[in-house]
Amino acid sequence: MAGGILVRKWQIPASIFAFLILCGETEAGDKEDILSRLDDLYSAWNTGDIDALQFTYHAIYPVEGGLLETLDPEKWKAWIKGNVAAGLTINIQPFHQKVEVYGNTAVYTCYETVNINPPNADPVNDTRRITAVLVKQKGEWNGVHLHASYLKPINPE
């Protein structure tokens, strides 16, 4: 009986140790690197600098709903660039940003207030919940999946 208690007592610490060995440790500055990269992304959207956008997401659940989509980054970038050239303006402000790093994988969550002003249509103003998965490849954090959904009510605390 005493041996069984001893084994159970060490199961949790052993599991945590194995998890850390398998997943690797977070490097100092990873969270800051991710937030800096995302700040650059938001800045590019807000200034209309589409060439500065780094479309690396492989899969996305679009905010309008539907099933998982795979994006063609060059096609998507060309479409956005054409709309910005026609007068589209976008302002996205993230808040309640959070990053959790698990070795070479990270999960970013936030809310966004989004204001989209098309040149010949009604403006779109909403709040969205965002979850993005990023992977560190060759020292760079790149998005591999994005899930966006409308938030109701539109202005959370």
N, C-alpha and C. Protein backbone atom coordinates (compact mmCIF):
# COMPACT_ATOMS: atom_id res chain seq x y z
N MET A 1 0.83 -1.19 0.00
CA MET A 1 0.00 0.00 0.00
C MET A 1 0.87 1.25 0.00
N ALA A 2 1.92 1.27 0.82
CA ALA A 2 2.78 2.46 0.91
C ALA A 2 3.46 2.72 -0.43
N GLY A 3 3.85 1.67 -1.16
CA GLY A 3 4.47 1.85 -2.46
C GLY A 3 3.53 2.48 -3.47
N GLY A 4 2.25 2.12 -3.41
CA GLY A 4 1.25 2.68 -4.32
C GLY A 4 1.04 4.17 -4.07
N ILE A 5 1.03 4.56 -2.81
CA ILE A 5 0.88 5.98 -2.48
C ILE A 5 2.09 6.76 -2.97
N LEU A 6 3.28 6.21 -2.81
CA LEU A 6 4.50 6.87 -3.25
C LEU A 6 4.50 7.07 -4.77
N VAL A 7 4.06 6.06 -5.51
CA VAL A 7 4.00 6.16 -6.97
C VAL A 7 3.01 7.25 -7.38
N ARG A 8 1.82 7.24 -6.79
CA ARG A 8 0.81 8.25 -7.12
C ARG A 8 1.28 9.65 -6.75
N LYS A 9 2.01 9.76 -5.65
CA LYS A 9 2.50 11.06 -5.19
C LYS A 9 3.42 11.70 -6.23
N TRP A 10 4.16 10.89 -6.96
CA TRP A 10 5.13 11.42 -7.92
C TRP A 10 4.62 11.45 -9.35
N GLN A 11 3.41 11.00 -9.59
CA GLN A 11 2.87 11.00 -10.96
C GLN A 11 2.73 12.42 -11.53
N ILE A 12 2.21 13.33 -10.74
CA ILE A 12 2.00 14.68 -11.25
C ILE A 12 3.34 15.38 -11.52
N PRO A 13 4.29 15.41 -10.57
CA PRO A 13 5.57 16.06 -10.89
C PRO A 13 6.28 15.41 -12.08
N ALA A 14 6.20 14.07 -12.19
CA ALA A 14 6.84 13.39 -13.32
C ALA A 14 6.16 13.78 -14.63
N SER A 15 4.83 13.91 -14.62
CA SER A 15 4.10 14.32 -15.82
C SER A 15 4.48 15.73 -16.24
N ILE A 16 4.58 16.63 -15.27
CA ILE A 16 4.97 18.01 -15.57
C ILE A 16 6.38 18.04 -16.16
N PHE A 17 7.29 17.28 -15.56
CA PHE A 17 8.67 17.23 -16.07
C PHE A 17 8.69 16.70 -17.51
N ALA A 18 7.96 15.63 -17.79
CA ALA A 18 7.90 15.06 -19.14
C ALA A 18 7.32 16.07 -20.12
N PHE A 19 6.27 16.80 -19.70
CA PHE A 19 5.66 17.81 -20.57
C PHE A 19 6.67 18.90 -20.93
N LEU A 20 7.43 19.35 -19.94
CA LEU A 20 8.43 20.39 -20.20
C LEU A 20 9.53 19.90 -21.13
N ILE A 21 9.95 18.66 -20.97
CA ILE A 21 11.00 18.11 -21.83
C ILE A 21 10.48 17.97 -23.26
N LEU A 22 9.26 17.47 -23.43
CA LEU A 22 8.70 17.26 -24.75
C LEU A 22 8.38 18.57 -25.46
N CYS A 23 7.90 19.56 -24.73
CA CYS A 23 7.46 20.80 -25.36
C CYS A 23 8.56 21.84 -25.46
N GLY A 24 9.62 21.66 -24.76
CA GLY A 24 10.68 22.66 -24.76
C GLY A 24 10.29 23.81 -23.86
N GLU A 25 11.22 24.67 -23.58
CA GLU A 25 10.95 25.78 -22.71
C GLU A 25 10.78 27.05 -23.53
N THR A 26 10.02 27.95 -22.97
CA THR A 26 9.83 29.24 -23.61
C THR A 26 11.12 30.04 -23.51
N GLU A 27 11.54 30.62 -24.60
CA GLU A 27 12.72 31.47 -24.58
C GLU A 27 12.32 32.84 -24.09
N ALA A 28 13.24 33.48 -23.38
CA ALA A 28 12.99 34.84 -22.91
C ALA A 28 12.70 35.72 -24.11
N GLY A 29 11.66 36.51 -24.00
CA GLY A 29 11.33 37.44 -25.06
C GLY A 29 10.36 36.91 -26.10
N ASP A 30 9.97 35.64 -26.05
CA ASP A 30 9.04 35.11 -27.06
C ASP A 30 7.71 35.86 -27.06
N LYS A 31 7.12 36.07 -25.88
CA LYS A 31 5.84 36.78 -25.82
C LYS A 31 5.99 38.19 -26.39
N GLU A 32 7.07 38.86 -26.03
CA GLU A 32 7.30 40.21 -26.52
C GLU A 32 7.51 40.21 -28.03
N ASP A 33 8.23 39.20 -28.55
CA ASP A 33 8.44 39.09 -30.00
C ASP A 33 7.11 38.92 -30.74
N ILE A 34 6.24 38.10 -30.19
CA ILE A 34 4.94 37.86 -30.82
C ILE A 34 4.10 39.13 -30.80
N LEU A 35 4.04 39.79 -29.65
CA LEU A 35 3.25 41.02 -29.56
C LEU A 35 3.81 42.11 -30.47
N SER A 36 5.12 42.18 -30.61
CA SER A 36 5.74 43.16 -31.51
C SER A 36 5.37 42.85 -32.96
N ARG A 37 5.44 41.58 -33.33
CA ARG A 37 5.07 41.17 -34.70
C ARG A 37 3.60 41.50 -34.98
N LEU A 38 2.74 41.26 -34.00
CA LEU A 38 1.32 41.55 -34.18
C LEU A 38 1.06 43.06 -34.20
N ASP A 39 1.82 43.83 -33.43
CA ASP A 39 1.70 45.30 -33.51
C ASP A 39 2.02 45.78 -34.91
N ASP A 40 3.07 45.19 -35.51
CA ASP A 40 3.43 45.54 -36.89
C ASP A 40 2.30 45.18 -37.85
N LEU A 41 1.66 44.04 -37.62
CA LEU A 41 0.54 43.61 -38.46
C LEU A 41 -0.62 44.59 -38.36
N TYR A 42 -1.01 44.96 -37.13
CA TYR A 42 -2.11 45.92 -36.95
C TYR A 42 -1.76 47.27 -37.57
N SER A 43 -0.52 47.69 -37.42
CA SER A 43 -0.08 48.96 -38.01
C SER A 43 -0.21 48.93 -39.54
N ALA A 44 0.19 47.82 -40.14
CA ALA A 44 0.09 47.68 -41.60
C ALA A 44 -1.37 47.75 -42.05
N TRP A 45 -2.27 47.06 -41.35
CA TRP A 45 -3.70 47.12 -41.70
C TRP A 45 -4.20 48.56 -41.58
N ASN A 46 -3.86 49.22 -40.48
CA ASN A 46 -4.41 50.55 -40.19
C ASN A 46 -3.86 51.64 -41.10
N THR A 47 -2.67 51.45 -41.62
CA THR A 47 -2.09 52.46 -42.52
C THR A 47 -2.30 52.10 -43.99
N GLY A 48 -2.87 50.93 -44.26
CA GLY A 48 -3.10 50.51 -45.64
C GLY A 48 -1.83 50.03 -46.33
N ASP A 49 -0.80 49.72 -45.55
CA ASP A 49 0.48 49.24 -46.11
C ASP A 49 0.40 47.73 -46.33
N ILE A 50 -0.33 47.35 -47.37
CA ILE A 50 -0.61 45.94 -47.62
C ILE A 50 0.67 45.16 -47.93
N ASP A 51 1.66 45.81 -48.52
CA ASP A 51 2.93 45.12 -48.79
C ASP A 51 3.63 44.68 -47.51
N ALA A 52 3.35 45.38 -46.40
CA ALA A 52 3.98 45.02 -45.12
C ALA A 52 3.25 43.86 -44.42
N LEU A 53 2.07 43.51 -44.91
CA LEU A 53 1.33 42.39 -44.30
C LEU A 53 2.02 41.08 -44.63
N GLN A 54 2.18 40.28 -43.63
CA GLN A 54 2.78 38.96 -43.84
C GLN A 54 1.69 37.92 -43.69
N PHE A 55 1.14 37.51 -44.82
CA PHE A 55 0.08 36.52 -44.81
C PHE A 55 0.71 35.13 -44.71
N THR A 56 0.71 34.60 -43.50
CA THR A 56 1.31 33.28 -43.30
C THR A 56 0.28 32.26 -42.84
N TYR A 57 -0.95 32.71 -42.59
CA TYR A 57 -1.96 31.78 -42.09
C TYR A 57 -2.28 30.74 -43.15
N HIS A 58 -2.30 29.50 -42.73
CA HIS A 58 -2.62 28.41 -43.64
C HIS A 58 -4.11 28.10 -43.63
N ALA A 59 -4.74 28.31 -42.48
CA ALA A 59 -6.16 27.98 -42.34
C ALA A 59 -6.84 29.06 -41.51
N ILE A 60 -8.11 29.29 -41.82
CA ILE A 60 -8.85 30.35 -41.14
C ILE A 60 -10.32 29.96 -41.01
N TYR A 61 -10.89 30.30 -39.86
CA TYR A 61 -12.34 30.29 -39.71
C TYR A 61 -12.76 31.74 -39.84
N PRO A 62 -13.41 32.13 -40.93
CA PRO A 62 -13.74 33.54 -41.15
C PRO A 62 -14.81 34.04 -40.19
N VAL A 63 -14.79 35.33 -39.92
CA VAL A 63 -15.71 35.94 -38.98
C VAL A 63 -17.16 35.81 -39.43
N GLU A 64 -17.39 35.73 -40.74
CA GLU A 64 -18.76 35.60 -41.25
C GLU A 64 -19.35 34.22 -41.02
N GLY A 65 -18.53 33.27 -40.58
CA GLY A 65 -19.00 31.92 -40.35
C GLY A 65 -18.54 30.98 -41.44
N GLY A 66 -19.03 29.79 -41.40
CA GLY A 66 -18.65 28.80 -42.39
C GLY A 66 -17.61 27.85 -41.82
N LEU A 67 -17.13 27.00 -42.70
CA LEU A 67 -16.17 25.99 -42.29
C LEU A 67 -14.75 26.48 -42.51
N LEU A 68 -13.82 25.69 -42.08
CA LEU A 68 -12.41 26.00 -42.21
C LEU A 68 -12.04 26.25 -43.66
N GLU A 69 -11.32 27.34 -43.90
CA GLU A 69 -10.87 27.67 -45.25
C GLU A 69 -9.36 27.67 -45.29
N THR A 70 -8.81 27.29 -46.41
CA THR A 70 -7.37 27.42 -46.65
C THR A 70 -7.17 28.64 -47.54
N LEU A 71 -6.25 29.50 -47.13
CA LEU A 71 -6.03 30.74 -47.87
C LEU A 71 -4.88 30.62 -48.85
N ASP A 72 -5.03 31.29 -49.98
CA ASP A 72 -3.92 31.50 -50.90
C ASP A 72 -3.39 32.89 -50.56
N PRO A 73 -2.26 32.99 -49.85
CA PRO A 73 -1.78 34.29 -49.37
C PRO A 73 -1.60 35.34 -50.46
N GLU A 74 -1.08 34.97 -51.60
CA GLU A 74 -0.85 35.95 -52.67
C GLU A 74 -2.16 36.45 -53.27
N LYS A 75 -3.12 35.56 -53.45
CA LYS A 75 -4.43 35.94 -53.99
C LYS A 75 -5.15 36.87 -53.00
N TRP A 76 -5.12 36.52 -51.74
CA TRP A 76 -5.77 37.31 -50.68
C TRP A 76 -5.14 38.70 -50.60
N LYS A 77 -3.80 38.75 -50.65
CA LYS A 77 -3.09 40.03 -50.57
C LYS A 77 -3.43 40.91 -51.77
N ALA A 78 -3.50 40.34 -52.96
CA ALA A 78 -3.84 41.10 -54.17
C ALA A 78 -5.26 41.66 -54.06
N TRP A 79 -6.19 40.86 -53.55
CA TRP A 79 -7.57 41.31 -53.39
C TRP A 79 -7.65 42.49 -52.42
N ILE A 80 -6.98 42.38 -51.27
CA ILE A 80 -6.97 43.46 -50.27
C ILE A 80 -6.31 44.71 -50.86
N LYS A 81 -5.19 44.52 -51.53
CA LYS A 81 -4.45 45.64 -52.12
C LYS A 81 -5.33 46.39 -53.13
N GLY A 82 -6.06 45.68 -53.96
CA GLY A 82 -6.95 46.31 -54.93
C GLY A 82 -8.04 47.12 -54.25
N ASN A 83 -8.59 46.60 -53.17
CA ASN A 83 -9.64 47.32 -52.44
C ASN A 83 -9.10 48.57 -51.74
N VAL A 84 -7.90 48.48 -51.18
CA VAL A 84 -7.29 49.65 -50.55
C VAL A 84 -7.00 50.73 -51.60
N ALA A 85 -6.53 50.30 -52.77
CA ALA A 85 -6.27 51.25 -53.86
C ALA A 85 -7.56 51.95 -54.30
N ALA A 86 -8.70 51.26 -54.15
CA ALA A 86 -9.99 51.83 -54.54
C ALA A 86 -10.58 52.74 -53.44
N GLY A 87 -9.90 52.83 -52.28
CA GLY A 87 -10.36 53.73 -51.23
C GLY A 87 -10.78 53.08 -49.92
N LEU A 88 -10.68 51.76 -49.81
CA LEU A 88 -11.03 51.07 -48.57
C LEU A 88 -10.09 51.50 -47.45
N THR A 89 -10.65 51.81 -46.28
CA THR A 89 -9.83 52.06 -45.09
C THR A 89 -10.24 51.09 -44.00
N ILE A 90 -9.26 50.68 -43.22
CA ILE A 90 -9.47 49.71 -42.15
C ILE A 90 -8.79 50.23 -40.90
N ASN A 91 -9.49 50.14 -39.77
CA ASN A 91 -8.90 50.48 -38.49
C ASN A 91 -9.23 49.36 -37.52
N ILE A 92 -8.21 48.67 -37.06
CA ILE A 92 -8.39 47.54 -36.13
C ILE A 92 -7.60 47.85 -34.87
N GLN A 93 -8.29 47.84 -33.73
CA GLN A 93 -7.64 48.10 -32.46
C GLN A 93 -7.81 46.88 -31.54
N PRO A 94 -6.71 46.19 -31.24
CA PRO A 94 -6.81 45.04 -30.34
C PRO A 94 -6.83 45.49 -28.87
N PHE A 95 -7.49 44.70 -28.04
CA PHE A 95 -7.42 44.94 -26.59
C PHE A 95 -7.57 43.61 -25.88
N HIS A 96 -7.17 43.60 -24.62
CA HIS A 96 -7.11 42.37 -23.82
C HIS A 96 -6.26 41.30 -24.53
N GLN A 97 -5.11 41.72 -25.05
CA GLN A 97 -4.23 40.79 -25.75
C GLN A 97 -3.56 39.84 -24.74
N LYS A 98 -3.47 38.58 -25.14
CA LYS A 98 -2.84 37.57 -24.28
C LYS A 98 -2.07 36.60 -25.18
N VAL A 99 -0.88 36.24 -24.75
CA VAL A 99 -0.06 35.27 -25.48
C VAL A 99 0.36 34.19 -24.51
N GLU A 100 0.16 32.94 -24.90
CA GLU A 100 0.67 31.79 -24.15
C GLU A 100 1.61 31.03 -25.08
N VAL A 101 2.82 30.77 -24.61
CA VAL A 101 3.82 30.09 -25.43
C VAL A 101 4.04 28.69 -24.89
N TYR A 102 4.05 27.72 -25.80
CA TYR A 102 4.27 26.30 -25.48
C TYR A 102 5.39 25.79 -26.39
N GLY A 103 6.62 26.02 -25.99
CA GLY A 103 7.74 25.60 -26.82
C GLY A 103 7.80 26.45 -28.08
N ASN A 104 7.66 25.80 -29.25
CA ASN A 104 7.72 26.55 -30.51
C ASN A 104 6.32 26.87 -31.05
N THR A 105 5.31 26.74 -30.21
CA THR A 105 3.92 27.04 -30.58
C THR A 105 3.37 28.07 -29.60
N ALA A 106 2.57 29.00 -30.11
CA ALA A 106 1.96 30.00 -29.23
C ALA A 106 0.51 30.20 -29.62
N VAL A 107 -0.28 30.58 -28.63
CA VAL A 107 -1.68 30.91 -28.85
C VAL A 107 -1.87 32.37 -28.44
N TYR A 108 -2.40 33.16 -29.37
CA TYR A 108 -2.67 34.58 -29.14
C TYR A 108 -4.18 34.78 -29.12
N THR A 109 -4.67 35.47 -28.11
CA THR A 109 -6.09 35.79 -28.04
C THR A 109 -6.25 37.28 -27.77
N CYS A 110 -7.33 37.83 -28.28
CA CYS A 110 -7.65 39.23 -28.01
C CYS A 110 -9.07 39.51 -28.46
N TYR A 111 -9.51 40.72 -28.18
CA TYR A 111 -10.70 41.28 -28.79
C TYR A 111 -10.22 42.37 -29.73
N GLU A 112 -10.99 42.65 -30.76
CA GLU A 112 -10.66 43.73 -31.69
C GLU A 112 -11.88 44.59 -31.93
N THR A 113 -11.69 45.90 -31.90
CA THR A 113 -12.72 46.78 -32.45
C THR A 113 -12.31 47.02 -33.89
N VAL A 114 -13.25 46.81 -34.79
CA VAL A 114 -12.96 46.85 -36.22
C VAL A 114 -13.86 47.89 -36.88
N ASN A 115 -13.23 48.79 -37.63
CA ASN A 115 -13.95 49.79 -38.42
C ASN A 115 -13.46 49.67 -39.85
N ILE A 116 -14.35 49.27 -40.74
CA ILE A 116 -14.03 49.10 -42.15
C ILE A 116 -14.89 50.08 -42.93
N ASN A 117 -14.23 50.92 -43.74
CA ASN A 117 -14.94 51.93 -44.52
C ASN A 117 -14.71 51.69 -46.00
N PRO A 118 -15.60 50.95 -46.66
CA PRO A 118 -15.49 50.75 -48.11
C PRO A 118 -15.85 52.05 -48.83
N PRO A 119 -15.29 52.29 -50.01
CA PRO A 119 -15.55 53.55 -50.71
C PRO A 119 -16.99 53.71 -51.17
N ASN A 120 -17.68 52.64 -51.52
CA ASN A 120 -19.04 52.75 -52.07
C ASN A 120 -20.04 51.87 -51.34
N ALA A 121 -19.86 51.75 -50.02
CA ALA A 121 -20.78 50.91 -49.25
C ALA A 121 -20.84 51.44 -47.82
N ASP A 122 -21.77 50.91 -47.06
CA ASP A 122 -21.90 51.32 -45.66
C ASP A 122 -20.70 50.83 -44.85
N PRO A 123 -20.28 51.63 -43.88
CA PRO A 123 -19.17 51.20 -43.03
C PRO A 123 -19.56 50.00 -42.17
N VAL A 124 -18.56 49.24 -41.77
CA VAL A 124 -18.74 48.09 -40.89
C VAL A 124 -18.01 48.41 -39.59
N ASN A 125 -18.74 48.36 -38.48
CA ASN A 125 -18.16 48.60 -37.16
C ASN A 125 -18.59 47.46 -36.26
N ASP A 126 -17.62 46.72 -35.76
CA ASP A 126 -17.97 45.60 -34.89
C ASP A 126 -16.83 45.29 -33.94
N THR A 127 -17.09 44.35 -33.07
CA THR A 127 -16.09 43.85 -32.14
C THR A 127 -15.95 42.36 -32.40
N ARG A 128 -14.70 41.89 -32.41
CA ARG A 128 -14.43 40.48 -32.72
C ARG A 128 -13.58 39.83 -31.65
N ARG A 129 -13.77 38.55 -31.52
CA ARG A 129 -12.92 37.72 -30.66
C ARG A 129 -11.97 36.98 -31.59
N ILE A 130 -10.68 37.05 -31.28
CA ILE A 130 -9.64 36.48 -32.13
C ILE A 130 -8.84 35.44 -31.37
N THR A 131 -8.59 34.32 -32.02
CA THR A 131 -7.63 33.33 -31.53
C THR A 131 -6.74 32.97 -32.70
N ALA A 132 -5.44 33.10 -32.49
CA ALA A 132 -4.48 32.75 -33.54
C ALA A 132 -3.45 31.78 -32.96
N VAL A 133 -3.06 30.82 -33.79
CA VAL A 133 -2.00 29.88 -33.43
C VAL A 133 -0.78 30.25 -34.26
N LEU A 134 0.35 30.41 -33.59
CA LEU A 134 1.60 30.76 -34.25
C LEU A 134 2.63 29.67 -33.99
N VAL A 135 3.54 29.49 -34.92
CA VAL A 135 4.61 28.51 -34.79
C VAL A 135 5.93 29.22 -35.08
N LYS A 136 6.93 28.93 -34.26
CA LYS A 136 8.24 29.53 -34.46
C LYS A 136 9.02 28.67 -35.45
N GLN A 137 9.34 29.27 -36.60
CA GLN A 137 10.08 28.59 -37.66
C GLN A 137 11.28 29.44 -38.02
N LYS A 138 12.47 28.87 -37.92
CA LYS A 138 13.71 29.59 -38.25
C LYS A 138 13.81 30.91 -37.49
N GLY A 139 13.40 30.88 -36.22
CA GLY A 139 13.50 32.05 -35.37
C GLY A 139 12.40 33.08 -35.52
N GLU A 140 11.44 32.86 -36.43
CA GLU A 140 10.34 33.79 -36.69
C GLU A 140 9.01 33.18 -36.26
N TRP A 141 8.17 33.98 -35.65
CA TRP A 141 6.83 33.54 -35.29
C TRP A 141 5.88 33.79 -36.46
N ASN A 142 5.29 32.73 -36.97
CA ASN A 142 4.38 32.81 -38.12
C ASN A 142 3.03 32.23 -37.75
N GLY A 143 1.97 32.91 -38.19
CA GLY A 143 0.62 32.42 -37.94
C GLY A 143 0.32 31.23 -38.83
N VAL A 144 -0.30 30.20 -38.24
CA VAL A 144 -0.69 29.02 -39.02
C VAL A 144 -2.21 28.81 -38.98
N HIS A 145 -2.89 29.47 -38.04
CA HIS A 145 -4.34 29.32 -37.97
C HIS A 145 -4.93 30.55 -37.30
N LEU A 146 -6.08 30.99 -37.81
CA LEU A 146 -6.79 32.14 -37.25
C LEU A 146 -8.26 31.79 -37.13
N HIS A 147 -8.84 32.10 -35.99
CA HIS A 147 -10.28 31.95 -35.79
C HIS A 147 -10.80 33.31 -35.34
N ALA A 148 -11.76 33.85 -36.08
CA ALA A 148 -12.36 35.13 -35.74
C ALA A 148 -13.87 34.96 -35.62
N SER A 149 -14.45 35.60 -34.63
CA SER A 149 -15.91 35.55 -34.50
C SER A 149 -16.41 36.89 -33.98
N TYR A 150 -17.65 37.24 -34.37
CA TYR A 150 -18.25 38.46 -33.88
C TYR A 150 -18.52 38.30 -32.40
N LEU A 151 -18.36 39.39 -31.68
CA LEU A 151 -18.60 39.38 -30.24
C LEU A 151 -19.90 40.10 -29.95
N LYS A 152 -20.75 39.49 -29.17
CA LYS A 152 -22.02 40.08 -28.78
C LYS A 152 -22.07 40.08 -27.26
N PRO A 153 -22.31 41.20 -26.59
CA PRO A 153 -22.49 42.53 -27.15
C PRO A 153 -21.19 43.03 -27.77
N ILE A 154 -21.29 44.08 -28.58
CA ILE A 154 -20.12 44.49 -29.35
C ILE A 154 -19.08 45.25 -28.53
N ASN A 155 -19.39 45.69 -27.33
CA ASN A 155 -18.44 46.44 -26.54
C ASN A 155 -18.24 45.82 -25.17
N PRO A 156 -17.38 44.81 -25.06
CA PRO A 156 -17.16 44.18 -23.75
C PRO A 156 -16.35 45.10 -22.85
N GLU A 157 -16.40 44.85 -21.58
CA GLU A 157 -15.62 45.62 -20.60
C GLU A 157 -14.17 45.25 -20.69
